[in-house]
Amino acid sequence: MASIALTSPVSATSRTSGRGRFALVGLGTVVAAVLANVLVYALGSPIVGYDPGFIILANVSGAVIFTVFPAIVAVLLYAALVRFTRRPERIFTVISAIVLVVSLVPDLTYIPTVPGATAGQTAILMLMHVVAAVVIVGLLTRQTRAR
C-alpha cells in the first residue's frame, strides 16, 4: 500500500511537468511559425512588390493572423494525438501533409481571381504555407519526443 502512495505523486509530477514542457513547446511553435512567415513576408516584399490592392498581403497582419490560428489548431491536434494515439508523430505528419496540400488549392484557384493578385504574390502565399508547415511539424514532432 505504501508503494502505491509513493508512485502516484511521482507519476503525477512527471505528467504535470510533461504538460508544462508541451505547453512551452506549443507556444514556441506558434511564435516560431509566425516569425518565420513574417520573415518570408519581409523578404518577399522587395522581390515581388506587394500590390496594396491585394488585401491579403497589404500588410504583415494578414500573415500573422493566418499563421497564428492554424498553428494553435495544429498544437491542439498534436496534443490530442500524443494523448490518444500510439504514433502521434507519424499521424500528425500525414495529417499535416494532407492539410498543406488542401490549403494550397485556394492559392491556385481562388487567389488569382482576387483584385491585385499577381503570380509572385501567389507564390509568396504558397511559400508561407510551406514554411509554416515545416516549422510546425518540425518543432512539434522533434521537441516533444519522449527522452
Protein backbone atom coordinates (compact mmCIF):
# COMPACT_ATOMS: atom_id res chain seq x y z
CA MET A 1 0.00 0.00 0.00
CA ALA A 2 2.89 2.37 0.76
CA SER A 3 4.37 1.73 -2.68
CA ILE A 4 1.13 2.86 -4.33
CA ALA A 5 1.16 6.10 -2.38
CA LEU A 6 4.82 6.70 -3.29
CA THR A 7 4.47 6.03 -7.00
CA SER A 8 1.31 8.03 -7.53
CA PRO A 9 2.74 11.50 -6.78
CA VAL A 10 5.84 10.79 -8.88
CA SER A 11 3.79 9.94 -11.96
CA ALA A 12 1.51 12.93 -11.37
CA THR A 13 4.55 15.18 -11.11
CA SER A 14 6.12 13.84 -14.29
CA ARG A 15 2.80 14.13 -16.10
CA THR A 16 2.44 17.76 -14.98
CA SER A 17 6.00 18.63 -15.98
CA GLY A 18 5.40 16.92 -19.34
CA ARG A 19 2.32 19.05 -19.90
CA GLY A 20 4.23 22.18 -18.94
CA ARG A 21 7.01 21.30 -21.35
CA PHE A 22 4.50 20.59 -24.10
CA ALA A 23 2.77 23.92 -23.43
CA LEU A 24 6.11 25.71 -23.82
CA VAL A 25 6.94 23.82 -26.99
CA GLY A 26 3.46 24.55 -28.32
CA LEU A 27 3.77 28.26 -27.59
CA GLY A 28 7.26 28.31 -29.07
CA THR A 29 5.96 26.55 -32.16
CA VAL A 30 3.23 29.15 -32.72
CA VAL A 31 5.69 32.01 -32.21
CA ALA A 32 8.32 30.40 -34.48
CA ALA A 33 5.79 29.80 -37.27
CA VAL A 34 4.59 33.40 -37.07
CA LEU A 35 8.14 34.77 -37.06
CA ALA A 36 9.11 32.57 -40.00
CA ASN A 37 6.17 33.83 -42.03
CA VAL A 38 6.86 37.44 -41.05
CA LEU A 39 10.39 36.89 -42.36
CA VAL A 40 9.04 35.43 -45.62
CA TYR A 41 6.67 38.40 -45.90
CA ALA A 42 9.51 40.88 -45.34
CA LEU A 43 11.88 39.17 -47.77
CA GLY A 44 9.15 38.78 -50.37
CA SER A 45 8.21 42.45 -50.37
CA PRO A 46 11.24 43.79 -52.26
CA ILE A 47 11.32 40.76 -54.55
CA VAL A 48 7.65 40.66 -55.50
CA GLY A 49 6.48 44.18 -54.70
CA TYR A 50 3.15 43.66 -52.98
CA ASP A 51 0.18 45.40 -54.59
CA PRO A 52 -1.67 47.45 -51.91
CA GLY A 53 -4.92 46.47 -53.61
CA PHE A 54 -4.21 42.82 -52.81
CA ILE A 55 -5.65 42.90 -49.31
CA ILE A 56 -4.21 39.54 -48.25
CA LEU A 57 -0.63 40.86 -48.45
CA ALA A 58 -1.41 44.56 -47.98
CA ASN A 59 0.40 44.40 -44.63
CA VAL A 60 2.03 41.82 -42.39
CA SER A 61 -1.03 41.42 -40.13
CA GLY A 62 -2.65 39.05 -42.62
CA ALA A 63 0.34 36.75 -42.50
CA VAL A 64 0.35 36.87 -38.70
CA ILE A 65 -3.37 36.17 -38.29
CA PHE A 66 -3.46 33.42 -40.89
CA THR A 67 -0.50 31.74 -39.21
CA VAL A 68 -1.46 32.09 -35.53
CA PHE A 69 -4.84 30.37 -35.69
CA PRO A 70 -3.83 27.34 -37.78
CA ALA A 71 -0.69 26.93 -35.65
CA ILE A 72 -2.79 26.88 -32.46
CA VAL A 73 -5.10 24.28 -34.01
CA ALA A 74 -2.06 22.21 -35.02
CA VAL A 75 -0.67 22.31 -31.47
CA LEU A 76 -4.02 21.23 -30.03
CA LEU A 77 -4.35 18.45 -32.60
CA TYR A 78 -0.86 17.20 -31.83
CA ALA A 79 -1.59 17.28 -28.10
CA ALA A 80 -4.66 15.12 -28.69
CA LEU A 81 -2.69 12.71 -30.86
CA VAL A 82 0.04 12.42 -28.23
CA ARG A 83 -2.56 11.64 -25.62
CA PHE A 84 -4.74 9.21 -27.57
CA THR A 85 -2.58 7.51 -30.22
CA ARG A 86 0.48 5.28 -30.32
CA ARG A 87 2.30 7.05 -33.15
CA PRO A 88 1.40 10.72 -32.90
CA GLU A 89 4.40 11.92 -34.93
CA ARG A 90 3.55 9.82 -37.96
CA ILE A 91 -0.19 10.53 -37.82
CA PHE A 92 0.41 14.25 -37.34
CA THR A 93 2.87 14.38 -40.23
CA VAL A 94 0.41 12.64 -42.56
CA ILE A 95 -2.49 14.88 -41.49
CA SER A 96 -0.27 17.94 -41.88
CA ALA A 97 0.79 16.94 -45.39
CA ILE A 98 -2.84 16.49 -46.41
CA VAL A 99 -3.85 19.82 -44.84
CA LEU A 100 -0.93 21.55 -46.58
CA VAL A 101 -2.00 20.23 -49.99
CA VAL A 102 -5.62 21.22 -49.35
CA SER A 103 -4.54 24.68 -48.14
CA LEU A 104 -2.75 25.30 -51.41
CA VAL A 105 -5.88 24.69 -53.50
CA PRO A 106 -7.38 28.17 -52.88
CA ASP A 107 -3.99 29.73 -53.67
CA LEU A 108 -4.11 28.09 -57.07
CA THR A 109 -7.82 28.54 -57.79
CA TYR A 110 -9.29 31.50 -55.90
CA ILE A 111 -6.35 33.82 -55.17
CA PRO A 112 -5.54 34.50 -58.85
CA THR A 113 -9.05 35.96 -59.24
CA VAL A 114 -8.66 38.41 -56.36
CA PRO A 115 -8.07 42.02 -57.44
CA GLY A 116 -4.39 42.96 -57.30
CA ALA A 117 -3.18 39.36 -57.18
CA THR A 118 -0.06 38.50 -59.14
CA ALA A 119 1.77 35.26 -59.72
CA GLY A 120 4.57 36.47 -57.42
CA GLN A 121 2.20 37.25 -54.57
CA THR A 122 0.52 33.88 -55.02
CA ALA A 123 3.93 32.23 -54.83
CA ILE A 124 4.69 34.09 -51.60
CA LEU A 125 1.40 32.90 -50.09
CA MET A 126 2.16 29.33 -51.08
CA LEU A 127 5.67 29.63 -49.68
CA MET A 128 4.19 30.88 -46.38
CA HIS A 129 2.01 27.76 -46.21
CA VAL A 130 5.02 25.52 -46.72
CA VAL A 131 7.23 27.43 -44.27
CA ALA A 132 4.55 27.33 -41.56
CA ALA A 133 4.00 23.61 -42.12
CA VAL A 134 7.72 22.81 -41.93
CA VAL A 135 8.19 24.84 -38.75
CA ILE A 136 5.08 23.49 -37.03
CA VAL A 137 5.60 19.83 -37.91
CA GLY A 138 9.33 20.02 -37.29
CA LEU A 139 9.13 21.64 -33.89
CA LEU A 140 6.20 19.67 -32.55
CA THR A 141 7.40 16.25 -33.63
CA ARG A 142 11.04 16.76 -32.68
CA GLN A 143 10.75 18.81 -29.50
CA THR A 144 8.06 16.72 -27.82
CA ARG A 145 9.62 13.28 -28.24
CA ALA A 146 9.98 11.32 -25.03
CA ARG A 147 13.57 11.39 -23.85
